[in-house]
Amino acid sequence: MLVHMASNQQTRPGIGELAKDTAKGRVGVVMGKLGGRVQIRPIGGGKEWDAMPDNVEPPSAREELSARLAIRNGNSRDGL
């Protein structure tokens, strides 16, 4: 899975970038925007959830590092 990282950005994450939903305290990948909401998919895959745009921000450096590690571990398990 190719994911653009969102570190050092001052704007809201775009499609394919890591994002944190501050309302849920979860980090995932922005998959799209629909009906005024941002659709975010969990790092390891799974069902997307909707977030309000005002609650979406780039993850902290620590959250981003954790997400990178989760992606790498998932790829390793999948033989990629």
N, C-alpha and C. Protein backbone atom coordinates (compact mmCIF):
# COMPACT_ATOMS: atom_id res chain seq x y z
N MET A 1 0.86 -1.17 0.00
CA MET A 1 0.00 0.00 0.00
C MET A 1 0.90 1.23 0.00
N LEU A 2 0.69 2.08 -0.98
CA LEU A 2 1.45 3.32 -1.06
C LEU A 2 0.66 4.40 -0.35
N VAL A 3 1.28 5.05 0.61
CA VAL A 3 0.61 6.09 1.36
C VAL A 3 1.51 7.31 1.40
N HIS A 4 0.96 8.44 1.01
CA HIS A 4 1.69 9.70 1.13
C HIS A 4 1.60 10.14 2.59
N MET A 5 2.70 10.53 3.15
CA MET A 5 2.70 10.94 4.55
C MET A 5 2.40 12.44 4.66
N ALA A 6 1.79 12.81 5.74
CA ALA A 6 1.30 14.16 5.89
C ALA A 6 2.13 15.03 6.81
N SER A 7 3.32 14.59 7.20
CA SER A 7 4.09 15.36 8.17
C SER A 7 4.50 16.72 7.61
N ASN A 8 4.62 17.66 8.51
CA ASN A 8 5.05 19.02 8.20
C ASN A 8 4.10 19.78 7.28
N GLN A 9 2.86 19.40 7.23
CA GLN A 9 1.89 20.13 6.42
C GLN A 9 1.06 21.02 7.33
N GLN A 10 0.66 22.15 6.79
CA GLN A 10 -0.20 23.06 7.54
C GLN A 10 -1.65 22.97 7.09
N THR A 11 -1.90 22.27 5.99
CA THR A 11 -3.26 22.14 5.45
C THR A 11 -3.83 20.78 5.82
N ARG A 12 -5.11 20.61 5.53
CA ARG A 12 -5.75 19.32 5.80
C ARG A 12 -5.20 18.28 4.84
N PRO A 13 -5.06 17.05 5.31
CA PRO A 13 -4.55 15.98 4.45
C PRO A 13 -5.48 15.73 3.26
N GLY A 14 -4.87 15.39 2.14
CA GLY A 14 -5.62 15.09 0.93
C GLY A 14 -5.76 13.59 0.73
N ILE A 15 -6.36 13.21 -0.36
CA ILE A 15 -6.57 11.81 -0.69
C ILE A 15 -5.23 11.08 -0.76
N GLY A 16 -5.16 9.92 -0.11
CA GLY A 16 -3.94 9.12 -0.09
C GLY A 16 -2.99 9.47 1.02
N GLU A 17 -3.30 10.49 1.80
CA GLU A 17 -2.42 10.91 2.89
C GLU A 17 -2.94 10.41 4.23
N LEU A 18 -2.02 10.29 5.17
CA LEU A 18 -2.41 9.95 6.53
C LEU A 18 -3.14 11.12 7.16
N ALA A 19 -4.13 10.79 7.96
CA ALA A 19 -4.91 11.83 8.64
C ALA A 19 -5.35 11.32 10.00
N LYS A 20 -5.53 12.25 10.91
CA LYS A 20 -6.07 11.92 12.23
C LYS A 20 -7.46 12.51 12.35
N ASP A 21 -8.41 11.68 12.76
CA ASP A 21 -9.75 12.13 13.07
C ASP A 21 -9.74 12.46 14.56
N THR A 22 -9.70 13.75 14.88
CA THR A 22 -9.57 14.16 16.27
C THR A 22 -10.79 13.80 17.10
N ALA A 23 -11.96 13.67 16.47
CA ALA A 23 -13.17 13.32 17.21
C ALA A 23 -13.11 11.87 17.70
N LYS A 24 -12.48 11.00 16.91
CA LYS A 24 -12.39 9.59 17.27
C LYS A 24 -11.02 9.20 17.80
N GLY A 25 -10.03 10.08 17.62
CA GLY A 25 -8.68 9.78 18.06
C GLY A 25 -8.04 8.67 17.26
N ARG A 26 -8.44 8.54 15.99
CA ARG A 26 -7.92 7.47 15.13
C ARG A 26 -7.15 8.06 13.96
N VAL A 27 -6.14 7.30 13.50
CA VAL A 27 -5.35 7.68 12.34
C VAL A 27 -5.65 6.69 11.22
N GLY A 28 -5.79 7.23 10.01
CA GLY A 28 -6.04 6.38 8.85
C GLY A 28 -5.62 7.10 7.59
N VAL A 29 -6.04 6.56 6.45
CA VAL A 29 -5.70 7.10 5.14
C VAL A 29 -6.94 7.74 4.54
N VAL A 30 -6.81 8.97 4.08
CA VAL A 30 -7.94 9.65 3.44
C VAL A 30 -8.22 8.96 2.10
N MET A 31 -9.45 8.49 1.94
CA MET A 31 -9.84 7.79 0.73
C MET A 31 -10.67 8.67 -0.21
N GLY A 32 -11.29 9.68 0.33
CA GLY A 32 -12.11 10.55 -0.51
C GLY A 32 -12.92 11.51 0.34
N LYS A 33 -13.70 12.29 -0.37
CA LYS A 33 -14.60 13.25 0.28
C LYS A 33 -15.95 13.10 -0.37
N LEU A 34 -16.99 12.98 0.44
CA LEU A 34 -18.33 12.76 -0.07
C LEU A 34 -19.35 13.41 0.86
N GLY A 35 -20.23 14.19 0.29
CA GLY A 35 -21.30 14.79 1.08
C GLY A 35 -20.82 15.67 2.22
N GLY A 36 -19.72 16.37 2.02
CA GLY A 36 -19.22 17.26 3.06
C GLY A 36 -18.47 16.54 4.17
N ARG A 37 -18.19 15.27 3.99
CA ARG A 37 -17.44 14.50 4.99
C ARG A 37 -16.20 13.90 4.34
N VAL A 38 -15.22 13.59 5.17
CA VAL A 38 -13.99 12.98 4.71
C VAL A 38 -14.08 11.49 5.04
N GLN A 39 -13.78 10.65 4.06
CA GLN A 39 -13.79 9.21 4.27
C GLN A 39 -12.37 8.74 4.56
N ILE A 40 -12.22 8.06 5.69
CA ILE A 40 -10.91 7.61 6.16
C ILE A 40 -10.94 6.10 6.35
N ARG A 41 -9.90 5.42 5.86
CA ARG A 41 -9.80 3.97 6.01
C ARG A 41 -8.72 3.65 7.04
N PRO A 42 -8.97 2.66 7.89
CA PRO A 42 -7.95 2.26 8.86
C PRO A 42 -6.64 1.87 8.17
N ILE A 43 -5.53 2.02 8.85
CA ILE A 43 -4.21 1.73 8.31
C ILE A 43 -4.12 0.30 7.78
N GLY A 44 -4.61 -0.66 8.51
CA GLY A 44 -4.52 -2.06 8.10
C GLY A 44 -5.60 -2.49 7.15
N GLY A 45 -6.39 -1.54 6.66
CA GLY A 45 -7.51 -1.87 5.79
C GLY A 45 -8.77 -2.02 6.62
N GLY A 46 -9.86 -2.22 5.95
CA GLY A 46 -11.13 -2.37 6.65
C GLY A 46 -12.12 -1.32 6.22
N LYS A 47 -13.19 -1.22 6.95
CA LYS A 47 -14.29 -0.34 6.61
C LYS A 47 -13.93 1.12 6.90
N GLU A 48 -14.20 1.96 5.92
CA GLU A 48 -13.96 3.40 6.08
C GLU A 48 -14.96 3.99 7.07
N TRP A 49 -14.55 5.10 7.65
CA TRP A 49 -15.48 5.86 8.48
C TRP A 49 -15.51 7.29 7.96
N ASP A 50 -16.59 7.98 8.28
CA ASP A 50 -16.75 9.37 7.88
C ASP A 50 -16.33 10.29 9.01
N ALA A 51 -15.64 11.36 8.64
CA ALA A 51 -15.20 12.36 9.62
C ALA A 51 -15.60 13.74 9.11
N MET A 52 -15.89 14.61 10.03
CA MET A 52 -16.16 15.99 9.67
C MET A 52 -14.83 16.66 9.31
N PRO A 53 -14.80 17.45 8.23
CA PRO A 53 -13.54 18.07 7.80
C PRO A 53 -12.82 18.85 8.90
N ASP A 54 -13.55 19.52 9.78
CA ASP A 54 -12.93 20.29 10.86
C ASP A 54 -12.22 19.39 11.88
N ASN A 55 -12.54 18.10 11.88
CA ASN A 55 -11.93 17.16 12.82
C ASN A 55 -10.76 16.40 12.21
N VAL A 56 -10.42 16.71 10.96
CA VAL A 56 -9.34 15.99 10.27
C VAL A 56 -8.10 16.87 10.21
N GLU A 57 -6.99 16.30 10.66
CA GLU A 57 -5.72 17.04 10.66
C GLU A 57 -4.58 16.06 10.41
N PRO A 58 -3.41 16.57 10.04
CA PRO A 58 -2.26 15.68 9.88
C PRO A 58 -1.91 15.04 11.22
N PRO A 59 -1.45 13.81 11.21
CA PRO A 59 -1.06 13.17 12.47
C PRO A 59 0.22 13.79 13.01
N SER A 60 0.43 13.63 14.31
CA SER A 60 1.69 14.08 14.92
C SER A 60 2.82 13.21 14.40
N ALA A 61 4.04 13.62 14.64
CA ALA A 61 5.20 12.83 14.20
C ALA A 61 5.17 11.43 14.80
N ARG A 62 4.79 11.32 16.04
CA ARG A 62 4.72 10.01 16.71
C ARG A 62 3.62 9.15 16.09
N GLU A 63 2.47 9.75 15.82
CA GLU A 63 1.37 9.00 15.20
C GLU A 63 1.75 8.56 13.78
N GLU A 64 2.45 9.43 13.07
CA GLU A 64 2.88 9.08 11.71
C GLU A 64 3.88 7.93 11.74
N LEU A 65 4.83 7.97 12.67
CA LEU A 65 5.80 6.89 12.79
C LEU A 65 5.11 5.57 13.10
N SER A 66 4.16 5.60 14.00
CA SER A 66 3.41 4.40 14.35
C SER A 66 2.65 3.87 13.13
N ALA A 67 2.06 4.77 12.34
CA ALA A 67 1.34 4.36 11.14
C ALA A 67 2.28 3.75 10.11
N ARG A 68 3.45 4.37 9.92
CA ARG A 68 4.44 3.82 8.98
C ARG A 68 4.84 2.40 9.39
N LEU A 69 5.03 2.19 10.68
CA LEU A 69 5.41 0.88 11.19
C LEU A 69 4.27 -0.13 10.95
N ALA A 70 3.04 0.28 11.17
CA ALA A 70 1.90 -0.60 10.94
C ALA A 70 1.81 -1.00 9.47
N ILE A 71 2.05 -0.04 8.57
CA ILE A 71 2.01 -0.32 7.14
C ILE A 71 3.12 -1.30 6.78
N ARG A 72 4.31 -1.04 7.28
CA ARG A 72 5.46 -1.91 6.98
C ARG A 72 5.23 -3.32 7.52
N ASN A 73 4.71 -3.43 8.73
CA ASN A 73 4.43 -4.75 9.30
C ASN A 73 3.36 -5.47 8.49
N GLY A 74 2.34 -4.75 8.06
CA GLY A 74 1.29 -5.36 7.24
C GLY A 74 1.83 -5.85 5.92
N ASN A 75 2.69 -5.05 5.30
CA ASN A 75 3.30 -5.46 4.03
C ASN A 75 4.18 -6.68 4.22
N SER A 76 4.89 -6.73 5.34
CA SER A 76 5.76 -7.88 5.63
C SER A 76 4.95 -9.15 5.81
N ARG A 77 3.83 -9.05 6.51
CA ARG A 77 2.97 -10.22 6.70
C ARG A 77 2.38 -10.69 5.38
N ASP A 78 2.13 -9.73 4.48
CA ASP A 78 1.53 -10.07 3.18
C ASP A 78 2.58 -10.48 2.15
N GLY A 79 3.85 -10.46 2.54
CA GLY A 79 4.92 -10.86 1.64
C GLY A 79 5.28 -9.82 0.61
N LEU A 80 4.99 -8.55 0.90
CA LEU A 80 5.31 -7.47 -0.04
C LEU A 80 6.61 -6.79 0.30
